[in-house]
């Protein structure tokens, strides 16, 4: 669907702003992911990854529950991501507990 704009330079400006906005959001997401990966590697090398996962899993679960309550039952990507993170950390913790026995 084309917008009824007679000035095509205005449309080009809007598209450029949207592209720049998308680029900034993508850069921030990549920076966060790289930072979290670096922290996970650092914790793993120091042997504290298991301890950190045991502490972070309940926090991620509570944050996901809080976001789902706040959004009135609507599904959003952040709460589902937090819930998935909590589940993965709990599985990781259970797997290490089985190996320790």
PDB file of N, CA and C in Angstrom:
ATOM      1  N   UNK A   1       0.837  -1.163   0.000  1.00  0.00           N
ATOM      2  CA  UNK A   1       0.000   0.000   0.000  1.00  0.00           C
ATOM      3  C   UNK A   1       0.886   1.231   0.000  1.00  0.00           C
ATOM      4  N   UNK A   2       0.678   2.089  -0.938  1.00  0.00           N
ATOM      5  CA  UNK A   2       1.453   3.321  -1.021  1.00  0.00           C
ATOM      6  C   UNK A   2       0.755   4.431  -0.257  1.00  0.00           C
ATOM      7  N   UNK A   3       1.549   5.217   0.406  1.00  0.00           N
ATOM      8  CA  UNK A   3       0.985   6.344   1.146  1.00  0.00           C
ATOM      9  C   UNK A   3       0.682   7.482   0.182  1.00  0.00           C
ATOM     10  N   UNK A   4      -0.419   8.181   0.406  1.00  0.00           N
ATOM     11  CA  UNK A   4      -0.773   9.283  -0.505  1.00  0.00           C
ATOM     12  C   UNK A   4       0.063  10.535  -0.217  1.00  0.00           C
ATOM     13  N   UNK A   5       1.347  10.449  -0.523  1.00  0.00           N
ATOM     14  CA  UNK A   5       2.245  11.591  -0.337  1.00  0.00           C
ATOM     15  C   UNK A   5       2.668  12.069  -1.718  1.00  0.00           C
ATOM     16  N   UNK A   6       2.466  13.351  -1.960  1.00  0.00           N
ATOM     17  CA  UNK A   6       2.831  13.899  -3.261  1.00  0.00           C
ATOM     18  C   UNK A   6       4.317  14.196  -3.340  1.00  0.00           C
ATOM     19  N   UNK A   7       4.894  14.478  -2.210  1.00  0.00           N
ATOM     20  CA  UNK A   7       6.324  14.772  -2.162  1.00  0.00           C
ATOM     21  C   UNK A   7       7.071  13.478  -1.822  1.00  0.00           C
ATOM     22  N   UNK A   8       7.756  12.911  -2.782  1.00  0.00           N
ATOM     23  CA  UNK A   8       8.462  11.654  -2.559  1.00  0.00           C
ATOM     24  C   UNK A   8       9.694  11.834  -1.685  1.00  0.00           C
ATOM     25  N   UNK A   9      10.169  13.064  -1.550  1.00  0.00           N
ATOM     26  CA  UNK A   9      11.313  13.294  -0.669  1.00  0.00           C
ATOM     27  C   UNK A   9      10.891  13.128   0.792  1.00  0.00           C
ATOM     28  N   UNK A  10       9.659  13.470   1.103  1.00  0.00           N
ATOM     29  CA  UNK A  10       9.144  13.279   2.463  1.00  0.00           C
ATOM     30  C   UNK A  10       9.054  11.810   2.816  1.00  0.00           C
ATOM     31  N   UNK A  11       8.595  11.001   1.887  1.00  0.00           N
ATOM     32  CA  UNK A  11       8.523   9.563   2.103  1.00  0.00           C
ATOM     33  C   UNK A  11       9.915   8.976   2.255  1.00  0.00           C
ATOM     34  N   UNK A  12      10.842   9.441   1.456  1.00  0.00           N
ATOM     35  CA  UNK A  12      12.219   8.966   1.553  1.00  0.00           C
ATOM     36  C   UNK A  12      12.815   9.312   2.914  1.00  0.00           C
ATOM     37  N   UNK A  13      12.504  10.493   3.418  1.00  0.00           N
ATOM     38  CA  UNK A  13      12.996  10.896   4.732  1.00  0.00           C
ATOM     39  C   UNK A  13      12.408  10.010   5.830  1.00  0.00           C
ATOM     40  N   UNK A  14      11.118   9.713   5.741  1.00  0.00           N
ATOM     41  CA  UNK A  14      10.487   8.840   6.727  1.00  0.00           C
ATOM     42  C   UNK A  14      11.118   7.460   6.696  1.00  0.00           C
ATOM     43  N   UNK A  15      11.333   6.917   5.520  1.00  0.00           N
ATOM     44  CA  UNK A  15      11.947   5.592   5.403  1.00  0.00           C
ATOM     45  C   UNK A  15      13.378   5.594   5.935  1.00  0.00           C
ATOM     46  N   UNK A  16      14.124   6.673   5.691  1.00  0.00           N
ATOM     47  CA  UNK A  16      15.487   6.765   6.222  1.00  0.00           C
ATOM     48  C   UNK A  16      15.487   6.804   7.747  1.00  0.00           C
ATOM     49  N   UNK A  17      14.558   7.546   8.330  1.00  0.00           N
ATOM     50  CA  UNK A  17      14.472   7.608   9.789  1.00  0.00           C
ATOM     51  C   UNK A  17      14.125   6.239  10.360  1.00  0.00           C
ATOM     52  N   UNK A  18      13.190   5.534   9.727  1.00  0.00           N
ATOM     53  CA  UNK A  18      12.830   4.198  10.186  1.00  0.00           C
ATOM     54  C   UNK A  18      14.001   3.231  10.067  1.00  0.00           C
ATOM     55  N   UNK A  19      14.760   3.331   8.999  1.00  0.00           N
ATOM     56  CA  UNK A  19      15.925   2.468   8.809  1.00  0.00           C
ATOM     57  C   UNK A  19      16.997   2.757   9.857  1.00  0.00           C
ATOM     58  N   UNK A  20      17.222   4.030  10.131  1.00  0.00           N
ATOM     59  CA  UNK A  20      18.211   4.393  11.157  1.00  0.00           C
ATOM     60  C   UNK A  20      17.751   3.894  12.517  1.00  0.00           C
ATOM     61  N   UNK A  21      16.470   4.035  12.820  1.00  0.00           N
ATOM     62  CA  UNK A  21      15.925   3.557  14.092  1.00  0.00           C
ATOM     63  C   UNK A  21      16.096   2.044  14.219  1.00  0.00           C
ATOM     64  N   UNK A  22      15.795   1.314  13.155  1.00  0.00           N
ATOM     65  CA  UNK A  22      15.982  -0.134  13.176  1.00  0.00           C
ATOM     66  C   UNK A  22      17.452  -0.487  13.395  1.00  0.00           C
ATOM     67  N   UNK A  23      18.349   0.227  12.744  1.00  0.00           N
ATOM     68  CA  UNK A  23      19.783  -0.026  12.904  1.00  0.00           C
ATOM     69  C   UNK A  23      20.254   0.203  14.327  1.00  0.00           C
ATOM     70  N   UNK A  24      19.748   1.253  14.961  1.00  0.00           N
ATOM     71  CA  UNK A  24      20.139   1.537  16.345  1.00  0.00           C
ATOM     72  C   UNK A  24      19.614   0.453  17.279  1.00  0.00           C
ATOM     73  N   UNK A  25      18.368   0.049  17.095  1.00  0.00           N
ATOM     74  CA  UNK A  25      17.801  -1.012  17.931  1.00  0.00           C
ATOM     75  C   UNK A  25      18.566  -2.316  17.741  1.00  0.00           C
ATOM     76  N   UNK A  26      18.874  -2.660  16.506  1.00  0.00           N
ATOM     77  CA  UNK A  26      19.622  -3.894  16.236  1.00  0.00           C
ATOM     78  C   UNK A  26      21.018  -3.825  16.855  1.00  0.00           C
ATOM     79  N   UNK A  27      21.675  -2.674  16.795  1.00  0.00           N
ATOM     80  CA  UNK A  27      23.002  -2.529  17.379  1.00  0.00           C
ATOM     81  C   UNK A  27      22.960  -2.682  18.893  1.00  0.00           C
ATOM     82  N   UNK A  28      21.937  -2.131  19.532  1.00  0.00           N
ATOM     83  CA  UNK A  28      21.812  -2.259  20.984  1.00  0.00           C
ATOM     84  C   UNK A  28      21.575  -3.711  21.382  1.00  0.00           C
ATOM     85  N   UNK A  29      20.717  -4.403  20.644  1.00  0.00           N
ATOM     86  CA  UNK A  29      20.452  -5.813  20.937  1.00  0.00           C
ATOM     87  C   UNK A  29      21.715  -6.647  20.770  1.00  0.00           C
ATOM     88  N   UNK A  30      22.468  -6.407  19.713  1.00  0.00           N
ATOM     89  CA  UNK A  30      23.719  -7.143  19.493  1.00  0.00           C
ATOM     90  C   UNK A  30      24.712  -6.849  20.612  1.00  0.00           C
ATOM     91  N   UNK A  31      24.819  -5.599  21.035  1.00  0.00           N
ATOM     92  CA  UNK A  31      25.741  -5.241  22.115  1.00  0.00           C
ATOM     93  C   UNK A  31      25.355  -5.935  23.421  1.00  0.00           C
ATOM     94  N   UNK A  32      24.064  -6.015  23.712  1.00  0.00           N
ATOM     95  CA  UNK A  32      23.619  -6.694  24.926  1.00  0.00           C
ATOM     96  C   UNK A  32      23.935  -8.185  24.865  1.00  0.00           C
ATOM     97  N   UNK A  33      23.682  -8.803  23.727  1.00  0.00           N
ATOM     98  CA  UNK A  33      23.941 -10.235  23.579  1.00  0.00           C
ATOM     99  C   UNK A  33      25.440 -10.524  23.701  1.00  0.00           C
ATOM    100  N   UNK A  34      26.273  -9.716  23.069  1.00  0.00           N
ATOM    101  CA  UNK A  34      27.721  -9.918  23.156  1.00  0.00           C
ATOM    102  C   UNK A  34      28.193  -9.722  24.597  1.00  0.00           C
ATOM    103  N   UNK A  35      27.648  -8.716  25.276  1.00  0.00           N
ATOM    104  CA  UNK A  35      28.016  -8.485  26.671  1.00  0.00           C
ATOM    105  C   UNK A  35      27.632  -9.646  27.572  1.00  0.00           C
ATOM    106  N   UNK A  36      26.416 -10.167  27.408  1.00  0.00           N
ATOM    107  CA  UNK A  36      25.987 -11.307  28.203  1.00  0.00           C
ATOM    108  C   UNK A  36      26.812 -12.553  27.902  1.00  0.00           C
ATOM    109  N   UNK A  37      27.183 -12.741  26.645  1.00  0.00           N
ATOM    110  CA  UNK A  37      28.028 -13.876  26.275  1.00  0.00           C
ATOM    111  C   UNK A  37      29.407 -13.752  26.916  1.00  0.00           C
ATOM    112  N   UNK A  38      29.961 -12.540  26.933  1.00  0.00           N
ATOM    113  CA  UNK A  38      31.266 -12.330  27.564  1.00  0.00           C
ATOM    114  C   UNK A  38      31.198 -12.593  29.064  1.00  0.00           C
ATOM    115  N   UNK A  39      30.117 -12.158  29.701  1.00  0.00           N
ATOM    116  CA  UNK A  39      29.961 -12.414  31.136  1.00  0.00           C
ATOM    117  C   UNK A  39      29.845 -13.914  31.408  1.00  0.00           C
ATOM    118  N   UNK A  40      29.083 -14.624  30.563  1.00  0.00           N
ATOM    119  CA  UNK A  40      28.935 -16.070  30.739  1.00  0.00           C
ATOM    120  C   UNK A  40      30.276 -16.783  30.572  1.00  0.00           C
ATOM    121  N   UNK A  41      31.072 -16.379  29.593  1.00  0.00           N
ATOM    122  CA  UNK A  41      32.399 -16.980  29.431  1.00  0.00           C
ATOM    123  C   UNK A  41      33.295 -16.700  30.624  1.00  0.00           C
ATOM    124  N   UNK A  42      33.248 -15.468  31.121  1.00  0.00           N
ATOM    125  CA  UNK A  42      34.068 -15.101  32.266  1.00  0.00           C
ATOM    126  C   UNK A  42      33.679 -15.922  33.491  1.00  0.00           C
ATOM    127  N   UNK A  43      32.360 -16.080  33.720  1.00  0.00           N
ATOM    128  CA  UNK A  43      31.900 -16.884  34.848  1.00  0.00           C
ATOM    129  C   UNK A  43      32.279 -18.347  34.685  1.00  0.00           C
ATOM    130  N   UNK A  44      32.211 -18.840  33.467  1.00  0.00           N
ATOM    131  CA  UNK A  44      32.555 -20.245  33.235  1.00  0.00           C
ATOM    132  C   UNK A  44      34.030 -20.507  33.490  1.00  0.00           C
ATOM    133  N   UNK A  45      34.881 -19.589  33.069  1.00  0.00           N
ATOM    134  CA  UNK A  45      36.317 -19.768  33.290  1.00  0.00           C
ATOM    135  C   UNK A  45      36.666 -19.717  34.769  1.00  0.00           C
ATOM    136  N   UNK A  46      35.925 -18.951  35.543  1.00  0.00           N
ATOM    137  CA  UNK A  46      36.169 -18.869  36.979  1.00  0.00           C
ATOM    138  C   UNK A  46      35.455 -19.974  37.748  1.00  0.00           C
ATOM    139  N   UNK A  47      34.652 -20.785  37.056  1.00  0.00           N
ATOM    140  CA  UNK A  47      33.954 -21.885  37.694  1.00  0.00           C
ATOM    141  C   UNK A  47      32.732 -21.460  38.484  1.00  0.00           C
ATOM    142  N   UNK A  48      32.180 -20.306  38.186  1.00  0.00           N
ATOM    143  CA  UNK A  48      31.038 -19.802  38.943  1.00  0.00           C
ATOM    144  C   UNK A  48      29.759 -19.747  38.119  1.00  0.00           C
ATOM    145  N   UNK A  49      29.753 -20.362  36.957  1.00  0.00           N
ATOM    146  CA  UNK A  49      28.574 -20.311  36.100  1.00  0.00           C
ATOM    147  C   UNK A  49      27.393 -21.036  36.728  1.00  0.00           C
ATOM    148  N   UNK A  50      27.634 -22.181  37.360  1.00  0.00           N
ATOM    149  CA  UNK A  50      26.561 -22.935  38.003  1.00  0.00           C
ATOM    150  C   UNK A  50      25.922 -22.154  39.142  1.00  0.00           C
ATOM    151  N   UNK A  51      26.757 -21.508  39.943  1.00  0.00           N
ATOM    152  CA  UNK A  51      26.253 -20.706  41.056  1.00  0.00           C
ATOM    153  C   UNK A  51      25.437 -19.525  40.533  1.00  0.00           C
ATOM    154  N   UNK A  52      25.933 -18.889  39.486  1.00  0.00           N
ATOM    155  CA  UNK A  52      25.219 -17.748  38.905  1.00  0.00           C
ATOM    156  C   UNK A  52      23.889 -18.183  38.303  1.00  0.00           C
ATOM    157  N   UNK A  53      23.852 -19.341  37.645  1.00  0.00           N
ATOM    158  CA  UNK A  53      22.603 -19.804  37.036  1.00  0.00           C
ATOM    159  C   UNK A  53      21.572 -20.151  38.113  1.00  0.00           C
ATOM    160  N   UNK A  54      22.026 -20.688  39.250  1.00  0.00           N
ATOM    161  CA  UNK A  54      21.094 -20.977  40.344  1.00  0.00           C
ATOM    162  C   UNK A  54      20.494 -19.694  40.917  1.00  0.00           C
ATOM    163  N   UNK A  55      21.255 -18.616  40.904  1.00  0.00           N
ATOM    164  CA  UNK A  55      20.746 -17.352  41.438  1.00  0.00           C
ATOM    165  C   UNK A  55      19.894 -16.590  40.425  1.00  0.00           C
ATOM    166  N   UNK A  56      20.211 -16.706  39.146  1.00  0.00           N
ATOM    167  CA  UNK A  56      19.523 -15.928  38.120  1.00  0.00           C
ATOM    168  C   UNK A  56      18.200 -16.577  37.714  1.00  0.00           C
ATOM    169  N   UNK A  57      18.101 -17.893  37.762  1.00  0.00           N
ATOM    170  CA  UNK A  57      16.887 -18.580  37.310  1.00  0.00           C
ATOM    171  C   UNK A  57      15.636 -18.115  38.057  1.00  0.00           C
ATOM    172  N   UNK A  58      15.632 -18.051  39.390  1.00  0.00           N
ATOM    173  CA  UNK A  58      14.421 -17.562  40.063  1.00  0.00           C
ATOM    174  C   UNK A  58      14.113 -16.096  39.748  1.00  0.00           C
ATOM    175  N   UNK A  59      15.160 -15.283  39.585  1.00  0.00           N
ATOM    176  CA  UNK A  59      14.943 -13.879  39.240  1.00  0.00           C
ATOM    177  C   UNK A  59      14.305 -13.744  37.859  1.00  0.00           C
ATOM    178  N   UNK A  60      14.772 -14.532  36.903  1.00  0.00           N
ATOM    179  CA  UNK A  60      14.203 -14.486  35.554  1.00  0.00           C
ATOM    180  C   UNK A  60      12.760 -14.974  35.566  1.00  0.00           C
ATOM    181  N   UNK A  61      12.476 -15.998  36.358  1.00  0.00           N
ATOM    182  CA  UNK A  61      11.105 -16.518  36.458  1.00  0.00           C
ATOM    183  C   UNK A  61      10.170 -15.452  37.044  1.00  0.00           C
ATOM    184  N   UNK A  62      10.611 -14.781  38.116  1.00  0.00           N
ATOM    185  CA  UNK A  62       9.786 -13.737  38.731  1.00  0.00           C
ATOM    186  C   UNK A  62       9.598 -12.552  37.791  1.00  0.00           C
ATOM    187  N   UNK A  63      10.643 -12.179  37.048  1.00  0.00           N
ATOM    188  CA  UNK A  63      10.525 -11.069  36.102  1.00  0.00           C
ATOM    189  C   UNK A  63       9.545 -11.415  34.984  1.00  0.00           C
ATOM    190  N   UNK A  64       9.561 -12.664  34.513  1.00  0.00           N
ATOM    191  CA  UNK A  64       8.626 -13.086  33.467  1.00  0.00           C
ATOM    192  C   UNK A  64       7.192 -13.062  33.993  1.00  0.00           C
ATOM    193  N   UNK A  65       6.996 -13.517  35.233  1.00  0.00           N
ATOM    194  CA  UNK A  65       5.653 -13.487  35.816  1.00  0.00           C
ATOM    195  C   UNK A  65       5.173 -12.054  35.997  1.00  0.00           C
ATOM    196  N   UNK A  66       6.057 -11.173  36.441  1.00  0.00           N
ATOM    197  CA  UNK A  66       5.690  -9.769  36.630  1.00  0.00           C
ATOM    198  C   UNK A  66       5.292  -9.128  35.311  1.00  0.00           C
ATOM    199  N   UNK A  67       6.083  -9.386  34.256  1.00  0.00           N
ATOM    200  CA  UNK A  67       5.768  -8.800  32.943  1.00  0.00           C
ATOM    201  C   UNK A  67       4.462  -9.345  32.385  1.00  0.00           C
ATOM    202  N   UNK A  68       4.193 -10.630  32.599  1.00  0.00           N
ATOM    203  CA  UNK A  68       2.945 -11.190  32.071  1.00  0.00           C
ATOM    204  C   UNK A  68       1.738 -10.643  32.838  1.00  0.00           C
ATOM    205  N   UNK A  69       1.893 -10.402  34.144  1.00  0.00           N
ATOM    206  CA  UNK A  69       0.800  -9.786  34.909  1.00  0.00           C
ATOM    207  C   UNK A  69       0.582  -8.345  34.476  1.00  0.00           C
ATOM    208  N   UNK A  70       1.668  -7.641  34.219  1.00  0.00           N
ATOM    209  CA  UNK A  70       1.578  -6.235  33.851  1.00  0.00           C
ATOM    210  C   UNK A  70       0.969  -6.042  32.464  1.00  0.00           C
ATOM    211  N   UNK A  71       1.199  -7.011  31.581  1.00  0.00           N
ATOM    212  CA  UNK A  71       0.679  -6.892  30.217  1.00  0.00           C
ATOM    213  C   UNK A  71      -0.731  -7.468  30.098  1.00  0.00           C
ATOM    214  N   UNK A  72      -1.351  -7.829  31.234  1.00  0.00           N
ATOM    215  CA  UNK A  72      -2.744  -8.305  31.284  1.00  0.00           C
ATOM    216  C   UNK A  72      -2.967  -9.525  30.387  1.00  0.00           C
ATOM    217  N   UNK A  73      -2.064 -10.487  30.455  1.00  0.00           N
ATOM    218  CA  UNK A  73      -2.251 -11.735  29.732  1.00  0.00           C
ATOM    219  C   UNK A  73      -1.790 -11.713  28.288  1.00  0.00           C
ATOM    220  N   UNK A  74      -1.399 -10.537  27.790  1.00  0.00           N
ATOM    221  CA  UNK A  74      -0.915 -10.485  26.411  1.00  0.00           C
ATOM    222  C   UNK A  74       0.491 -11.074  26.356  1.00  0.00           C
ATOM    223  N   UNK A  75       0.772 -11.770  25.305  1.00  0.00           N
ATOM    224  CA  UNK A  75       2.091 -12.359  25.139  1.00  0.00           C
ATOM    225  C   UNK A  75       3.037 -11.328  24.527  1.00  0.00           C
ATOM    226  N   UNK A  76       4.192 -11.181  25.133  1.00  0.00           N
ATOM    227  CA  UNK A  76       5.198 -10.314  24.527  1.00  0.00           C
ATOM    228  C   UNK A  76       6.527 -11.056  24.512  1.00  0.00           C
ATOM    229  N   UNK A  77       7.414 -10.594  23.695  1.00  0.00           N
ATOM    230  CA  UNK A  77       8.667 -11.308  23.448  1.00  0.00           C
ATOM    231  C   UNK A  77       9.590 -11.276  24.662  1.00  0.00           C
ATOM    232  N   UNK A  78       9.546 -10.223  25.459  1.00  0.00           N
ATOM    233  CA  UNK A  78      10.437 -10.125  26.612  1.00  0.00           C
ATOM    234  C   UNK A  78      10.044 -11.140  27.682  1.00  0.00           C
ATOM    235  N   UNK A  79       8.760 -11.223  28.004  1.00  0.00           N
ATOM    236  CA  UNK A  79       8.344 -12.169  29.045  1.00  0.00           C
ATOM    237  C   UNK A  79       8.538 -13.615  28.591  1.00  0.00           C
ATOM    238  N   UNK A  80       8.294 -13.894  27.323  1.00  0.00           N
ATOM    239  CA  UNK A  80       8.527 -15.261  26.849  1.00  0.00           C
ATOM    240  C   UNK A  80      10.020 -15.577  26.817  1.00  0.00           C
ATOM    241  N   UNK A  81      10.842 -14.582  26.496  1.00  0.00           N
ATOM    242  CA  UNK A  81      12.287 -14.790  26.532  1.00  0.00           C
ATOM    243  C   UNK A  81      12.796 -15.016  27.943  1.00  0.00           C
ATOM    244  N   UNK A  82      12.277 -14.254  28.899  1.00  0.00           N
ATOM    245  CA  UNK A  82      12.670 -14.444  30.297  1.00  0.00           C
ATOM    246  C   UNK A  82      12.229 -15.809  30.810  1.00  0.00           C
ATOM    247  N   UNK A  83      11.036 -16.227  30.435  1.00  0.00           N
ATOM    248  CA  UNK A  83      10.547 -17.532  30.847  1.00  0.00           C
ATOM    249  C   UNK A  83      11.409 -18.651  30.250  1.00  0.00           C
ATOM    250  N   UNK A  84      11.790 -18.510  28.991  1.00  0.00           N
ATOM    251  CA  UNK A  84      12.658 -19.503  28.348  1.00  0.00           C
ATOM    252  C   UNK A  84      14.028 -19.531  28.998  1.00  0.00           C
ATOM    253  N   UNK A  85      14.547 -18.358  29.343  1.00  0.00           N
ATOM    254  CA  UNK A  85      15.845 -18.280  30.017  1.00  0.00           C
ATOM    255  C   UNK A  85      15.787 -18.980  31.366  1.00  0.00           C
ATOM    256  N   UNK A  86      14.727 -18.723  32.130  1.00  0.00           N
ATOM    257  CA  UNK A  86      14.590 -19.360  33.442  1.00  0.00           C
ATOM    258  C   UNK A  86      14.506 -20.877  33.299  1.00  0.00           C
ATOM    259  N   UNK A  87      13.741 -21.356  32.332  1.00  0.00           N
ATOM    260  CA  UNK A  87      13.621 -22.804  32.116  1.00  0.00           C
ATOM    261  C   UNK A  87      14.957 -23.417  31.718  1.00  0.00           C
ATOM    262  N   UNK A  88      15.685 -22.744  30.845  1.00  0.00           N
ATOM    263  CA  UNK A  88      16.985 -23.266  30.416  1.00  0.00           C
ATOM    264  C   UNK A  88      17.976 -23.296  31.576  1.00  0.00           C
ATOM    265  N   UNK A  89      17.969 -22.254  32.404  1.00  0.00           N
ATOM    266  CA  UNK A  89      18.877 -22.232  33.549  1.00  0.00           C
ATOM    267  C   UNK A  89      18.515 -23.304  34.565  1.00  0.00           C
ATOM    268  N   UNK A  90      17.225 -23.538  34.767  1.00  0.00           N
ATOM    269  CA  UNK A  90      16.811 -24.588  35.695  1.00  0.00           C
ATOM    270  C   UNK A  90      17.190 -25.967  35.175  1.00  0.00           C
ATOM    271  N   UNK A  91      17.037 -26.196  33.865  1.00  0.00           N
ATOM    272  CA  UNK A  91      17.467 -27.476  33.276  1.00  0.00           C
ATOM    273  C   UNK A  91      18.965 -27.650  33.415  1.00  0.00           C
ATOM    274  N   UNK A  92      19.724 -26.575  33.177  1.00  0.00           N
ATOM    275  CA  UNK A  92      21.181 -26.617  33.293  1.00  0.00           C
ATOM    276  C   UNK A  92      21.580 -26.955  34.724  1.00  0.00           C
ATOM    277  N   UNK A  93      20.896 -26.359  35.685  1.00  0.00           N
ATOM    278  CA  UNK A  93      21.183 -26.605  37.092  1.00  0.00           C
ATOM    279  C   UNK A  93      20.839 -28.043  37.467  1.00  0.00           C
ATOM    280  N   UNK A  94      19.687 -28.560  36.981  1.00  0.00           N
ATOM    281  CA  UNK A  94      19.302 -29.939  37.266  1.00  0.00           C
ATOM    282  C   UNK A  94      20.290 -30.926  36.670  1.00  0.00           C
ATOM    283  N   UNK A  95      20.780 -30.627  35.463  1.00  0.00           N
ATOM    284  CA  UNK A  95      21.733 -31.511  34.809  1.00  0.00           C
ATOM    285  C   UNK A  95      23.030 -31.582  35.610  1.00  0.00           C
ATOM    286  N   UNK A  96      23.490 -30.440  36.120  1.00  0.00           N
ATOM    287  CA  UNK A  96      24.723 -30.436  36.911  1.00  0.00           C
ATOM    288  C   UNK A  96      24.524 -31.105  38.270  1.00  0.00           C
ATOM    289  N   UNK A  97      23.334 -31.005  38.842  1.00  0.00           N
ATOM    290  CA  UNK A  97      23.070 -31.672  40.104  1.00  0.00           C
ATOM    291  C   UNK A  97      23.103 -33.182  39.933  1.00  0.00           C
ATOM    292  N   UNK A  98      22.632 -33.699  38.795  1.00  0.00           N
ATOM    293  CA  UNK A  98      22.664 -35.135  38.536  1.00  0.00           C
ATOM    294  C   UNK A  98      24.093 -35.634  38.380  1.00  0.00           C
ATOM    295  N   UNK A  99      24.965 -34.814  37.748  1.00  0.00           N
ATOM    296  CA  UNK A  99      26.359 -35.211  37.564  1.00  0.00           C
ATOM    297  C   UNK A  99      27.128 -35.178  38.867  1.00  0.00           C
ATOM    298  N   UNK A 100      26.740 -34.319  39.796  1.00  0.00           N
ATOM    299  CA  UNK A 100      27.440 -34.197  41.067  1.00  0.00           C
ATOM    300  C   UNK A 100      27.154 -35.356  42.005  1.00  0.00           C
ATOM    301  N   UNK A 101      26.016 -36.028  41.808  1.00  0.00           N
ATOM    302  CA  UNK A 101      25.629 -37.132  42.715  1.00  0.00           C
ATOM    303  C   UNK A 101      26.410 -38.372  42.492  1.00  0.00           C
TER     304      UNK A 101
END
